[in-house]
Amino acid sequence: MSIGFKIKKLREEKNVTQPTLAYELKISQSELSKIENGKTRKIDFLLMNEICNYFQKDFEYFIMKVESADDWKLTDNLDNKVFSSEKIIFDIKKIIDENYQNKKLISSLLKENQLLKQKKGINES
């Protein structure tokens, strides 16, 4: 199935009209029609990114060859699992980043504390 066919299928599943989707993607309705009907050979990467974001699908979803309805179900299940995995990875990265920031803060506070102790030692002399 072509990328355009998959876009059309997703649009129809969401009950979104061509003019509405075209507006959301910031393209003309006729350009979207050409994409959906396979009358355009190239789709801009930025536009494809917008399409992926709009439908919450990975780019691979659009380029994978899917032949039957069962394949679509498998693809959707895979997308959900990939999305869940990506969310977990995002959350882990966030925790790691927060941990790194906390370590930097603790290190900074320890250095500041050490400087204050040194100053206090100088003032007491």
PDB file of N, CA and C in Angstrom:
ATOM      1  N   MET A   1       0.843  -1.183   0.000  1.00  0.00           N
ATOM      2  CA  MET A   1       0.000   0.000   0.000  1.00  0.00           C
ATOM      3  C   MET A   1       0.884   1.241   0.000  1.00  0.00           C
ATOM      4  N   SER A   2       0.439   2.246  -0.697  1.00  0.00           N
ATOM      5  CA  SER A   2       1.226   3.466  -0.804  1.00  0.00           C
ATOM      6  C   SER A   2       1.070   4.328   0.446  1.00  0.00           C
ATOM      7  N   ILE A   3       1.999   5.246   0.594  1.00  0.00           N
ATOM      8  CA  ILE A   3       1.938   6.186   1.715  1.00  0.00           C
ATOM      9  C   ILE A   3       0.637   6.972   1.641  1.00  0.00           C
ATOM     10  N   GLY A   4       0.287   7.423   0.437  1.00  0.00           N
ATOM     11  CA  GLY A   4      -0.940   8.195   0.258  1.00  0.00           C
ATOM     12  C   GLY A   4      -2.175   7.425   0.676  1.00  0.00           C
ATOM     13  N   PHE A   5      -2.220   6.137   0.321  1.00  0.00           N
ATOM     14  CA  PHE A   5      -3.360   5.302   0.696  1.00  0.00           C
ATOM     15  C   PHE A   5      -3.454   5.186   2.218  1.00  0.00           C
ATOM     16  N   LYS A   6      -2.313   5.033   2.865  1.00  0.00           N
ATOM     17  CA  LYS A   6      -2.301   4.920   4.327  1.00  0.00           C
ATOM     18  C   LYS A   6      -2.763   6.222   4.980  1.00  0.00           C
ATOM     19  N   ILE A   7      -2.337   7.346   4.409  1.00  0.00           N
ATOM     20  CA  ILE A   7      -2.779   8.642   4.928  1.00  0.00           C
ATOM     21  C   ILE A   7      -4.293   8.761   4.787  1.00  0.00           C
ATOM     22  N   LYS A   8      -4.807   8.402   3.620  1.00  0.00           N
ATOM     23  CA  LYS A   8      -6.254   8.469   3.378  1.00  0.00           C
ATOM     24  C   LYS A   8      -7.001   7.562   4.349  1.00  0.00           C
ATOM     25  N   LYS A   9      -6.494   6.352   4.548  1.00  0.00           N
ATOM     26  CA  LYS A   9      -7.140   5.399   5.448  1.00  0.00           C
ATOM     27  C   LYS A   9      -7.187   5.953   6.873  1.00  0.00           C
ATOM     28  N   LEU A  10      -6.073   6.501   7.342  1.00  0.00           N
ATOM     29  CA  LEU A  10      -6.033   7.073   8.694  1.00  0.00           C
ATOM     30  C   LEU A  10      -6.975   8.269   8.811  1.00  0.00           C
ATOM     31  N   ARG A  11      -6.980   9.101   7.764  1.00  0.00           N
ATOM     32  CA  ARG A  11      -7.853  10.285   7.777  1.00  0.00           C
ATOM     33  C   ARG A  11      -9.310   9.868   7.872  1.00  0.00           C
ATOM     34  N   GLU A  12      -9.691   8.866   7.079  1.00  0.00           N
ATOM     35  CA  GLU A  12     -11.077   8.391   7.090  1.00  0.00           C
ATOM     36  C   GLU A  12     -11.430   7.719   8.416  1.00  0.00           C
ATOM     37  N   GLU A  13     -10.480   6.986   9.000  1.00  0.00           N
ATOM     38  CA  GLU A  13     -10.731   6.352  10.302  1.00  0.00           C
ATOM     39  C   GLU A  13     -10.995   7.393  11.382  1.00  0.00           C
ATOM     40  N   LYS A  14     -10.351   8.556  11.251  1.00  0.00           N
ATOM     41  CA  LYS A  14     -10.540   9.629  12.232  1.00  0.00           C
ATOM     42  C   LYS A  14     -11.714  10.539  11.862  1.00  0.00           C
ATOM     43  N   ASN A  15     -12.387  10.218  10.764  1.00  0.00           N
ATOM     44  CA  ASN A  15     -13.499  11.039  10.274  1.00  0.00           C
ATOM     45  C   ASN A  15     -13.083  12.495  10.063  1.00  0.00           C
ATOM     46  N   VAL A  16     -11.929  12.665   9.442  1.00  0.00           N
ATOM     47  CA  VAL A  16     -11.410  13.996   9.147  1.00  0.00           C
ATOM     48  C   VAL A  16     -11.545  14.219   7.642  1.00  0.00           C
ATOM     49  N   THR A  17     -12.026  15.379   7.265  1.00  0.00           N
ATOM     50  CA  THR A  17     -12.169  15.688   5.841  1.00  0.00           C
ATOM     51  C   THR A  17     -10.816  16.089   5.253  1.00  0.00           C
ATOM     52  N   GLN A  18     -10.724  15.991   3.936  1.00  0.00           N
ATOM     53  CA  GLN A  18      -9.492  16.425   3.270  1.00  0.00           C
ATOM     54  C   GLN A  18      -9.193  17.898   3.548  1.00  0.00           C
ATOM     55  N   PRO A  19     -10.187  18.792   3.419  1.00  0.00           N
ATOM     56  CA  PRO A  19      -9.891  20.201   3.695  1.00  0.00           C
ATOM     57  C   PRO A  19      -9.390  20.433   5.128  1.00  0.00           C
ATOM     58  N   THR A  20      -9.965  19.713   6.079  1.00  0.00           N
ATOM     59  CA  THR A  20      -9.543  19.879   7.472  1.00  0.00           C
ATOM     60  C   THR A  20      -8.105  19.412   7.658  1.00  0.00           C
ATOM     61  N   LEU A  21      -7.787  18.223   7.142  1.00  0.00           N
ATOM     62  CA  LEU A  21      -6.424  17.709   7.279  1.00  0.00           C
ATOM     63  C   LEU A  21      -5.439  18.604   6.530  1.00  0.00           C
ATOM     64  N   ALA A  22      -5.811  19.035   5.340  1.00  0.00           N
ATOM     65  CA  ALA A  22      -4.936  19.916   4.563  1.00  0.00           C
ATOM     66  C   ALA A  22      -4.641  21.191   5.352  1.00  0.00           C
ATOM     67  N   TYR A  23      -5.661  21.751   5.983  1.00  0.00           N
ATOM     68  CA  TYR A  23      -5.485  22.953   6.798  1.00  0.00           C
ATOM     69  C   TYR A  23      -4.511  22.684   7.945  1.00  0.00           C
ATOM     70  N   GLU A  24      -4.695  21.556   8.637  1.00  0.00           N
ATOM     71  CA  GLU A  24      -3.825  21.196   9.764  1.00  0.00           C
ATOM     72  C   GLU A  24      -2.377  21.011   9.311  1.00  0.00           C
ATOM     73  N   LEU A  25      -2.204  20.489   8.097  1.00  0.00           N
ATOM     74  CA  LEU A  25      -0.862  20.232   7.573  1.00  0.00           C
ATOM     75  C   LEU A  25      -0.276  21.439   6.842  1.00  0.00           C
ATOM     76  N   LYS A  26      -1.081  22.494   6.717  1.00  0.00           N
ATOM     77  CA  LYS A  26      -0.672  23.731   6.044  1.00  0.00           C
ATOM     78  C   LYS A  26      -0.328  23.499   4.568  1.00  0.00           C
ATOM     79  N   ILE A  27      -1.168  22.681   3.921  1.00  0.00           N
ATOM     80  CA  ILE A  27      -1.046  22.455   2.481  1.00  0.00           C
ATOM     81  C   ILE A  27      -2.426  22.637   1.862  1.00  0.00           C
ATOM     82  N   SER A  28      -2.471  22.686   0.543  1.00  0.00           N
ATOM     83  CA  SER A  28      -3.769  22.825  -0.120  1.00  0.00           C
ATOM     84  C   SER A  28      -4.485  21.479  -0.146  1.00  0.00           C
ATOM     85  N   GLN A  29      -5.797  21.552  -0.271  1.00  0.00           N
ATOM     86  CA  GLN A  29      -6.605  20.332  -0.345  1.00  0.00           C
ATOM     87  C   GLN A  29      -6.248  19.547  -1.604  1.00  0.00           C
ATOM     88  N   SER A  30      -5.950  20.259  -2.688  1.00  0.00           N
ATOM     89  CA  SER A  30      -5.595  19.560  -3.933  1.00  0.00           C
ATOM     90  C   SER A  30      -4.257  18.830  -3.790  1.00  0.00           C
ATOM     91  N   GLU A  31      -3.320  19.413  -3.051  1.00  0.00           N
ATOM     92  CA  GLU A  31      -2.039  18.735  -2.819  1.00  0.00           C
ATOM     93  C   GLU A  31      -2.256  17.467  -1.995  1.00  0.00           C
ATOM     94  N   LEU A  32      -3.103  17.553  -0.970  1.00  0.00           N
ATOM     95  CA  LEU A  32      -3.409  16.375  -0.156  1.00  0.00           C
ATOM     96  C   LEU A  32      -4.091  15.310  -1.005  1.00  0.00           C
ATOM     97  N   SER A  33      -4.995  15.726  -1.866  1.00  0.00           N
ATOM     98  CA  SER A  33      -5.682  14.784  -2.747  1.00  0.00           C
ATOM     99  C   SER A  33      -4.681  14.055  -3.645  1.00  0.00           C
ATOM    100  N   LYS A  34      -3.721  14.795  -4.189  1.00  0.00           N
ATOM    101  CA  LYS A  34      -2.694  14.179  -5.035  1.00  0.00           C
ATOM    102  C   LYS A  34      -1.870  13.166  -4.240  1.00  0.00           C
ATOM    103  N   ILE A  35      -1.542  13.511  -3.009  1.00  0.00           N
ATOM    104  CA  ILE A  35      -0.768  12.590  -2.163  1.00  0.00           C
ATOM    105  C   ILE A  35      -1.564  11.322  -1.910  1.00  0.00           C
ATOM    106  N   GLU A  36      -2.827  11.487  -1.505  1.00  0.00           N
ATOM    107  CA  GLU A  36      -3.666  10.335  -1.176  1.00  0.00           C
ATOM    108  C   GLU A  36      -3.911   9.432  -2.385  1.00  0.00           C
ATOM    109  N   ASN A  37      -3.988  10.026  -3.557  1.00  0.00           N
ATOM    110  CA  ASN A  37      -4.269   9.250  -4.767  1.00  0.00           C
ATOM    111  C   ASN A  37      -3.008   8.799  -5.498  1.00  0.00           C
ATOM    112  N   GLY A  38      -1.846   9.026  -4.892  1.00  0.00           N
ATOM    113  CA  GLY A  38      -0.593   8.574  -5.483  1.00  0.00           C
ATOM    114  C   GLY A  38      -0.181   9.337  -6.723  1.00  0.00           C
ATOM    115  N   LYS A  39      -0.683  10.560  -6.882  1.00  0.00           N
ATOM    116  CA  LYS A  39      -0.373  11.343  -8.080  1.00  0.00           C
ATOM    117  C   LYS A  39       0.845  12.241  -7.882  1.00  0.00           C
ATOM    118  N   THR A  40       1.417  12.196  -6.705  1.00  0.00           N
ATOM    119  CA  THR A  40       2.653  12.930  -6.458  1.00  0.00           C
ATOM    120  C   THR A  40       3.727  11.918  -6.092  1.00  0.00           C
ATOM    121  N   ARG A  41       4.912  12.133  -6.592  1.00  0.00           N
ATOM    122  CA  ARG A  41       5.974  11.141  -6.390  1.00  0.00           C
ATOM    123  C   ARG A  41       6.790  11.434  -5.139  1.00  0.00           C
ATOM    124  N   LYS A  42       6.829  12.686  -4.727  1.00  0.00           N
ATOM    125  CA  LYS A  42       7.671  13.055  -3.594  1.00  0.00           C
ATOM    126  C   LYS A  42       6.839  13.753  -2.526  1.00  0.00           C
ATOM    127  N   ILE A  43       7.150  13.419  -1.287  1.00  0.00           N
ATOM    128  CA  ILE A  43       6.539  14.111  -0.154  1.00  0.00           C
ATOM    129  C   ILE A  43       7.681  14.703   0.657  1.00  0.00           C
ATOM    130  N   ASP A  44       7.613  15.983   0.881  1.00  0.00           N
ATOM    131  CA  ASP A  44       8.619  16.703   1.644  1.00  0.00           C
ATOM    132  C   ASP A  44       8.790  16.073   3.034  1.00  0.00           C
ATOM    133  N   PHE A  45      10.028  15.976   3.512  1.00  0.00           N
ATOM    134  CA  PHE A  45      10.282  15.387   4.828  1.00  0.00           C
ATOM    135  C   PHE A  45       9.578  16.151   5.946  1.00  0.00           C
ATOM    136  N   LEU A  46       9.557  17.471   5.838  1.00  0.00           N
ATOM    137  CA  LEU A  46       8.883  18.263   6.870  1.00  0.00           C
ATOM    138  C   LEU A  46       7.387  17.977   6.882  1.00  0.00           C
ATOM    139  N   LEU A  47       6.805  17.850   5.695  1.00  0.00           N
ATOM    140  CA  LEU A  47       5.382  17.518   5.599  1.00  0.00           C
ATOM    141  C   LEU A  47       5.141  16.120   6.159  1.00  0.00           C
ATOM    142  N   MET A  48       6.009  15.186   5.821  1.00  0.00           N
ATOM    143  CA  MET A  48       5.850  13.816   6.321  1.00  0.00           C
ATOM    144  C   MET A  48       5.940  13.795   7.843  1.00  0.00           C
ATOM    145  N   ASN A  49       6.809  14.618   8.399  1.00  0.00           N
ATOM    146  CA  ASN A  49       6.918  14.728   9.853  1.00  0.00           C
ATOM    147  C   ASN A  49       5.615  15.247  10.449  1.00  0.00           C
ATOM    148  N   GLU A  50       5.021  16.242   9.799  1.00  0.00           N
ATOM    149  CA  GLU A  50       3.729  16.777  10.258  1.00  0.00           C
ATOM    150  C   GLU A  50       2.648  15.700  10.207  1.00  0.00           C
ATOM    151  N   ILE A  51       2.646  14.917   9.143  1.00  0.00           N
ATOM    152  CA  ILE A  51       1.665  13.832   8.989  1.00  0.00           C
ATOM    153  C   ILE A  51       1.854  12.802  10.101  1.00  0.00           C
ATOM    154  N   CYS A  52       3.100  12.417  10.348  1.00  0.00           N
ATOM    155  CA  CYS A  52       3.393  11.451  11.423  1.00  0.00           C
ATOM    156  C   CYS A  52       2.909  11.984  12.767  1.00  0.00           C
ATOM    157  N   ASN A  53       3.196  13.241  13.037  1.00  0.00           N
ATOM    158  CA  ASN A  53       2.762  13.842  14.305  1.00  0.00           C
ATOM    159  C   ASN A  53       1.245  13.908  14.405  1.00  0.00           C
ATOM    160  N   TYR A  54       0.591  14.297  13.323  1.00  0.00           N
ATOM    161  CA  TYR A  54      -0.865  14.432  13.336  1.00  0.00           C
ATOM    162  C   TYR A  54      -1.536  13.103  13.659  1.00  0.00           C
ATOM    163  N   PHE A  55      -1.064  12.041  13.018  1.00  0.00           N
ATOM    164  CA  PHE A  55      -1.684  10.731  13.223  1.00  0.00           C
ATOM    165  C   PHE A  55      -1.021   9.931  14.348  1.00  0.00           C
ATOM    166  N   GLN A  56       0.002  10.515  14.954  1.00  0.00           N
ATOM    167  CA  GLN A  56       0.752   9.852  16.026  1.00  0.00           C
ATOM    168  C   GLN A  56       1.268   8.492  15.567  1.00  0.00           C
ATOM    169  N   LYS A  57       1.887   8.505  14.405  1.00  0.00           N
ATOM    170  CA  LYS A  57       2.469   7.301  13.816  1.00  0.00           C
ATOM    171  C   LYS A  57       3.936   7.560  13.514  1.00  0.00           C
ATOM    172  N   ASP A  58       4.725   6.527  13.634  1.00  0.00           N
ATOM    173  CA  ASP A  58       6.126   6.594  13.267  1.00  0.00           C
ATOM    174  C   ASP A  58       6.236   6.574  11.746  1.00  0.00           C
ATOM    175  N   PHE A  59       7.287   7.172  11.210  1.00  0.00           N
ATOM    176  CA  PHE A  59       7.490   7.201   9.761  1.00  0.00           C
ATOM    177  C   PHE A  59       7.481   5.794   9.171  1.00  0.00           C
ATOM    178  N   GLU A  60       8.039   4.846   9.911  1.00  0.00           N
ATOM    179  CA  GLU A  60       8.097   3.463   9.426  1.00  0.00           C
ATOM    180  C   GLU A  60       6.705   2.899   9.146  1.00  0.00           C
ATOM    181  N   TYR A  61       5.718   3.367   9.883  1.00  0.00           N
ATOM    182  CA  TYR A  61       4.338   2.927   9.669  1.00  0.00           C
ATOM    183  C   TYR A  61       3.915   3.177   8.221  1.00  0.00           C
ATOM    184  N   PHE A  62       4.347   4.310   7.686  1.00  0.00           N
ATOM    185  CA  PHE A  62       3.933   4.698   6.337  1.00  0.00           C
ATOM    186  C   PHE A  62       4.735   4.000   5.243  1.00  0.00           C
ATOM    187  N   ILE A  63       5.947   3.561   5.563  1.00  0.00           N
ATOM    188  CA  ILE A  63       6.758   2.929   4.520  1.00  0.00           C
ATOM    189  C   ILE A  63       6.732   1.409   4.578  1.00  0.00           C
ATOM    190  N   MET A  64       6.177   0.841   5.674  1.00  0.00           N
ATOM    191  CA  MET A  64       6.069  -0.619   5.756  1.00  0.00           C
ATOM    192  C   MET A  64       5.044  -1.113   4.751  1.00  0.00           C
ATOM    193  N   LYS A  65       5.306  -2.265   4.182  1.00  0.00           N
ATOM    194  CA  LYS A  65       4.345  -2.870   3.256  1.00  0.00           C
ATOM    195  C   LYS A  65       3.342  -3.666   4.071  1.00  0.00           C
ATOM    196  N   VAL A  66       2.083  -3.260   3.984  1.00  0.00           N
ATOM    197  CA  VAL A  66       0.999  -3.932   4.697  1.00  0.00           C
ATOM    198  C   VAL A  66      -0.016  -4.374   3.660  1.00  0.00           C
ATOM    199  N   GLU A  67      -0.338  -5.633   3.665  1.00  0.00           N
ATOM    200  CA  GLU A  67      -1.194  -6.182   2.614  1.00  0.00           C
ATOM    201  C   GLU A  67      -2.629  -6.475   3.051  1.00  0.00           C
ATOM    202  N   SER A  68      -2.851  -6.802   4.330  1.00  0.00           N
ATOM    203  CA  SER A  68      -4.195  -7.217   4.743  1.00  0.00           C
ATOM    204  C   SER A  68      -4.636  -6.477   5.999  1.00  0.00           C
ATOM    205  N   ALA A  69      -5.927  -6.615   6.316  1.00  0.00           N
ATOM    206  CA  ALA A  69      -6.471  -5.988   7.525  1.00  0.00           C
ATOM    207  C   ALA A  69      -5.781  -6.534   8.769  1.00  0.00           C
ATOM    208  N   ASP A  70      -5.459  -7.829   8.767  1.00  0.00           N
ATOM    209  CA  ASP A  70      -4.745  -8.410   9.909  1.00  0.00           C
ATOM    210  C   ASP A  70      -3.375  -7.763  10.078  1.00  0.00           C
ATOM    211  N   ASP A  71      -2.727  -7.468   8.954  1.00  0.00           N
ATOM    212  CA  ASP A  71      -1.434  -6.791   9.016  1.00  0.00           C
ATOM    213  C   ASP A  71      -1.582  -5.404   9.631  1.00  0.00           C
ATOM    214  N   TRP A  72      -2.700  -4.726   9.303  1.00  0.00           N
ATOM    215  CA  TRP A  72      -2.948  -3.408   9.891  1.00  0.00           C
ATOM    216  C   TRP A  72      -3.072  -3.523  11.401  1.00  0.00           C
ATOM    217  N   LYS A  73      -3.807  -4.542  11.863  1.00  0.00           N
ATOM    218  CA  LYS A  73      -3.964  -4.731  13.308  1.00  0.00           C
ATOM    219  C   LYS A  73      -2.613  -4.986  13.953  1.00  0.00           C
ATOM    220  N   LEU A  74      -1.805  -5.834  13.317  1.00  0.00           N
ATOM    221  CA  LEU A  74      -0.471  -6.108  13.848  1.00  0.00           C
ATOM    222  C   LEU A  74       0.370  -4.836  13.876  1.00  0.00           C
ATOM    223  N   THR A  75       0.259  -4.049  12.812  1.00  0.00           N
ATOM    224  CA  THR A  75       1.010  -2.803  12.736  1.00  0.00           C
ATOM    225  C   THR A  75       0.565  -1.843  13.827  1.00  0.00           C
ATOM    226  N   ASP A  76      -0.750  -1.718  14.030  1.00  0.00           N
ATOM    227  CA  ASP A  76      -1.257  -0.840  15.082  1.00  0.00           C
ATOM    228  C   ASP A  76      -0.799  -1.308  16.456  1.00  0.00           C
ATOM    229  N   ASN A  77      -0.855  -2.625  16.700  1.00  0.00           N
ATOM    230  CA  ASN A  77      -0.386  -3.155  17.980  1.00  0.00           C
ATOM    231  C   ASN A  77       1.096  -2.866  18.170  1.00  0.00           C
ATOM    232  N   LEU A  78       1.865  -3.037  17.109  1.00  0.00           N
ATOM    233  CA  LEU A  78       3.290  -2.752  17.164  1.00  0.00           C
ATOM    234  C   LEU A  78       3.520  -1.276  17.452  1.00  0.00           C
ATOM    235  N   ASP A  79       2.753  -0.401  16.780  1.00  0.00           N
ATOM    236  CA  ASP A  79       2.881   1.034  17.023  1.00  0.00           C
ATOM    237  C   ASP A  79       2.609   1.361  18.481  1.00  0.00           C
ATOM    238  N   ASN A  80       1.571   0.753  19.057  1.00  0.00           N
ATOM    239  CA  ASN A  80       1.250   1.005  20.460  1.00  0.00           C
ATOM    240  C   ASN A  80       2.383   0.550  21.368  1.00  0.00           C
ATOM    241  N   LYS A  81       2.963  -0.608  21.063  1.00  0.00           N
ATOM    242  CA  LYS A  81       4.070  -1.111  21.876  1.00  0.00           C
ATOM    243  C   LYS A  81       5.302  -0.228  21.709  1.00  0.00           C
ATOM    244  N   VAL A  82       5.563   0.198  20.482  1.00  0.00           N
ATOM    245  CA  VAL A  82       6.702   1.077  20.236  1.00  0.00           C
ATOM    246  C   VAL A  82       6.491   2.392  20.966  1.00  0.00           C
ATOM    247  N   PHE A  83       5.263   2.936  20.900  1.00  0.00           N
ATOM    248  CA  PHE A  83       4.969   4.181  21.593  1.00  0.00           C
ATOM    249  C   PHE A  83       5.188   4.011  23.091  1.00  0.00           C
ATOM    250  N   SER A  84       4.719   2.888  23.655  1.00  0.00           N
ATOM    251  CA  SER A  84       4.909   2.624  25.083  1.00  0.00           C
ATOM    252  C   SER A  84       6.392   2.530  25.410  1.00  0.00           C
ATOM    253  N   SER A  85       7.137   1.838  24.570  1.00  0.00           N
ATOM    254  CA  SER A  85       8.583   1.708  24.784  1.00  0.00           C
ATOM    255  C   SER A  85       9.260   3.069  24.696  1.00  0.00           C
ATOM    256  N   GLU A  86       8.856   3.868  23.712  1.00  0.00           N
ATOM    257  CA  GLU A  86       9.443   5.195  23.566  1.00  0.00           C
ATOM    258  C   GLU A  86       9.134   6.065  24.775  1.00  0.00           C
ATOM    259  N   LYS A  87       7.929   5.950  25.309  1.00  0.00           N
ATOM    260  CA  LYS A  87       7.569   6.718  26.501  1.00  0.00           C
ATOM    261  C   LYS A  87       8.412   6.281  27.690  1.00  0.00           C
ATOM    262  N   ILE A  88       8.606   4.986  27.844  1.00  0.00           N
ATOM    263  CA  ILE A  88       9.434   4.481  28.940  1.00  0.00           C
ATOM    264  C   ILE A  88      10.863   4.998  28.792  1.00  0.00           C
ATOM    265  N   ILE A  89      11.395   4.933  27.575  1.00  0.00           N
ATOM    266  CA  ILE A  89      12.751   5.434  27.332  1.00  0.00           C
ATOM    267  C   ILE A  89      12.824   6.925  27.627  1.00  0.00           C
ATOM    268  N   PHE A  90      11.808   7.681  27.201  1.00  0.00           N
ATOM    269  CA  PHE A  90      11.766   9.118  27.480  1.00  0.00           C
ATOM    270  C   PHE A  90      11.766   9.364  28.984  1.00  0.00           C
ATOM    271  N   ASP A  91      10.935   8.612  29.716  1.00  0.00           N
ATOM    272  CA  ASP A  91      10.866   8.771  31.168  1.00  0.00           C
ATOM    273  C   ASP A  91      12.193   8.433  31.832  1.00  0.00           C
ATOM    274  N   ILE A  92      12.848   7.379  31.360  1.00  0.00           N
ATOM    275  CA  ILE A  92      14.150   6.994  31.922  1.00  0.00           C
ATOM    276  C   ILE A  92      15.183   8.087  31.656  1.00  0.00           C
ATOM    277  N   LYS A  93      15.189   8.618  30.433  1.00  0.00           N
ATOM    278  CA  LYS A  93      16.123   9.698  30.105  1.00  0.00           C
ATOM    279  C   LYS A  93      15.861  10.918  30.982  1.00  0.00           C
ATOM    280  N   LYS A  94      14.599  11.195  31.235  1.00  0.00           N
ATOM    281  CA  LYS A  94      14.233  12.325  32.087  1.00  0.00           C
ATOM    282  C   LYS A  94      14.753  12.107  33.506  1.00  0.00           C
ATOM    283  N   ILE A  95      14.589  10.895  34.026  1.00  0.00           N
ATOM    284  CA  ILE A  95      15.077  10.572  35.372  1.00  0.00           C
ATOM    285  C   ILE A  95      16.600  10.693  35.421  1.00  0.00           C
ATOM    286  N   ILE A  96      17.278  10.180  34.390  1.00  0.00           N
ATOM    287  CA  ILE A  96      18.739  10.271  34.337  1.00  0.00           C
ATOM    288  C   ILE A  96      19.174  11.729  34.312  1.00  0.00           C
ATOM    289  N   ASP A  97      18.489  12.540  33.508  1.00  0.00           N
ATOM    290  CA  ASP A  97      18.815  13.962  33.428  1.00  0.00           C
ATOM    291  C   ASP A  97      18.583  14.650  34.769  1.00  0.00           C
ATOM    292  N   GLU A  98      17.460  14.344  35.419  1.00  0.00           N
ATOM    293  CA  GLU A  98      17.186  14.931  36.731  1.00  0.00           C
ATOM    294  C   GLU A  98      18.244  14.499  37.738  1.00  0.00           C
ATOM    295  N   ASN A  99      18.650  13.232  37.670  1.00  0.00           N
ATOM    296  CA  ASN A  99      19.686  12.721  38.560  1.00  0.00           C
ATOM    297  C   ASN A  99      21.000  13.472  38.328  1.00  0.00           C
ATOM    298  N   TYR A 100      21.341  13.680  37.059  1.00  0.00           N
ATOM    299  CA  TYR A 100      22.556  14.412  36.711  1.00  0.00           C
ATOM    300  C   TYR A 100      22.486  15.845  37.244  1.00  0.00           C
ATOM    301  N   GLN A 101      21.335  16.487  37.067  1.00  0.00           N
ATOM    302  CA  GLN A 101      21.159  17.856  37.565  1.00  0.00           C
ATOM    303  C   GLN A 101      21.273  17.900  39.090  1.00  0.00           C
ATOM    304  N   ASN A 102      20.697  16.906  39.753  1.00  0.00           N
ATOM    305  CA  ASN A 102      20.792  16.838  41.217  1.00  0.00           C
ATOM    306  C   ASN A 102      22.236  16.653  41.661  1.00  0.00           C
ATOM    307  N   LYS A 103      22.993  15.809  40.959  1.00  0.00           N
ATOM    308  CA  LYS A 103      24.408  15.602  41.291  1.00  0.00           C
ATOM    309  C   LYS A 103      25.185  16.901  41.128  1.00  0.00           C
ATOM    310  N   LYS A 104      24.902  17.645  40.057  1.00  0.00           N
ATOM    311  CA  LYS A 104      25.569  18.928  39.842  1.00  0.00           C
ATOM    312  C   LYS A 104      25.244  19.898  40.969  1.00  0.00           C
ATOM    313  N   LEU A 105      23.982  19.920  41.384  1.00  0.00           N
ATOM    314  CA  LEU A 105      23.565  20.809  42.458  1.00  0.00           C
ATOM    315  C   LEU A 105      24.248  20.424  43.766  1.00  0.00           C
ATOM    316  N   ILE A 106      24.267  19.143  44.080  1.00  0.00           N
ATOM    317  CA  ILE A 106      24.915  18.670  45.309  1.00  0.00           C
ATOM    318  C   ILE A 106      26.400  19.013  45.283  1.00  0.00           C
ATOM    319  N   SER A 107      27.045  18.785  44.155  1.00  0.00           N
ATOM    320  CA  SER A 107      28.465  19.104  44.020  1.00  0.00           C
ATOM    321  C   SER A 107      28.702  20.593  44.234  1.00  0.00           C
ATOM    322  N   SER A 108      27.857  21.409  43.651  1.00  0.00           N
ATOM    323  CA  SER A 108      27.970  22.854  43.802  1.00  0.00           C
ATOM    324  C   SER A 108      27.775  23.270  45.257  1.00  0.00           C
ATOM    325  N   LEU A 109      26.787  22.678  45.912  1.00  0.00           N
ATOM    326  CA  LEU A 109      26.534  22.999  47.320  1.00  0.00           C
ATOM    327  C   LEU A 109      27.692  22.557  48.211  1.00  0.00           C
ATOM    328  N   LEU A 110      28.270  21.399  47.923  1.00  0.00           N
ATOM    329  CA  LEU A 110      29.421  20.925  48.701  1.00  0.00           C
ATOM    330  C   LEU A 110      30.616  21.859  48.536  1.00  0.00           C
ATOM    331  N   LYS A 111      30.855  22.320  47.308  1.00  0.00           N
ATOM    332  CA  LYS A 111      31.955  23.261  47.070  1.00  0.00           C
ATOM    333  C   LYS A 111      31.707  24.571  47.811  1.00  0.00           C
ATOM    334  N   GLU A 112      30.464  25.042  47.746  1.00  0.00           N
ATOM    335  CA  GLU A 112      30.115  26.281  48.437  1.00  0.00           C
ATOM    336  C   GLU A 112      30.286  26.123  49.939  1.00  0.00           C
ATOM    337  N   ASN A 113      29.864  24.988  50.460  1.00  0.00           N
ATOM    338  CA  ASN A 113      30.009  24.705  51.887  1.00  0.00           C
ATOM    339  C   ASN A 113      31.486  24.684  52.279  1.00  0.00           C
ATOM    340  N   GLN A 114      32.316  24.074  51.449  1.00  0.00           N
ATOM    341  CA  GLN A 114      33.748  23.999  51.719  1.00  0.00           C
ATOM    342  C   GLN A 114      34.357  25.400  51.717  1.00  0.00           C
ATOM    343  N   LEU A 115      33.950  26.243  50.757  1.00  0.00           N
ATOM    344  CA  LEU A 115      34.449  27.619  50.713  1.00  0.00           C
ATOM    345  C   LEU A 115      34.029  28.397  51.952  1.00  0.00           C
ATOM    346  N   LEU A 116      32.793  28.202  52.391  1.00  0.00           N
ATOM    347  CA  LEU A 116      32.313  28.888  53.595  1.00  0.00           C
ATOM    348  C   LEU A 116      33.097  28.445  54.823  1.00  0.00           C
ATOM    349  N   LYS A 117      33.398  27.151  54.905  1.00  0.00           N
ATOM    350  CA  LYS A 117      34.195  26.641  56.030  1.00  0.00           C
ATOM    351  C   LYS A 117      35.596  27.246  56.006  1.00  0.00           C
ATOM    352  N   GLN A 118      36.169  27.369  54.799  1.00  0.00           N
ATOM    353  CA  GLN A 118      37.501  27.956  54.683  1.00  0.00           C
ATOM    354  C   GLN A 118      37.481  29.419  55.101  1.00  0.00           C
ATOM    355  N   LYS A 119      36.452  30.159  54.659  1.00  0.00           N
ATOM    356  CA  LYS A 119      36.337  31.569  55.032  1.00  0.00           C
ATOM    357  C   LYS A 119      36.151  31.708  56.531  1.00  0.00           C
ATOM    358  N   LYS A 120      35.330  30.828  57.106  1.00  0.00           N
ATOM    359  CA  LYS A 120      35.079  30.861  58.542  1.00  0.00           C
ATOM    360  C   LYS A 120      36.379  30.593  59.294  1.00  0.00           C
ATOM    361  N   GLY A 121      37.171  29.662  58.809  1.00  0.00           N
ATOM    362  CA  GLY A 121      38.462  29.348  59.424  1.00  0.00           C
ATOM    363  C   GLY A 121      39.402  30.533  59.354  1.00  0.00           C
ATOM    364  N   ILE A 122      39.363  31.289  58.263  1.00  0.00           N
ATOM    365  CA  ILE A 122      40.215  32.470  58.110  1.00  0.00           C
ATOM    366  C   ILE A 122      39.755  33.556  59.066  1.00  0.00           C
ATOM    367  N   ASN A 123      38.452  33.765  59.184  1.00  0.00           N
ATOM    368  CA  ASN A 123      37.900  34.808  60.050  1.00  0.00           C
ATOM    369  C   ASN A 123      38.162  34.525  61.522  1.00  0.00           C
ATOM    370  N   GLU A 124      38.242  33.267  61.923  1.00  0.00           N
ATOM    371  CA  GLU A 124      38.460  32.909  63.320  1.00  0.00           C
ATOM    372  C   GLU A 124      39.916  33.094  63.716  1.00  0.00           C
ATOM    373  N   SER A 125      40.814  33.176  62.732  1.00  0.00           N
ATOM    374  CA  SER A 125      42.248  33.292  63.040  1.00  0.00           C
ATOM    375  C   SER A 125      42.644  34.671  63.455  1.00  0.00           C
TER     376      SER A 125
END
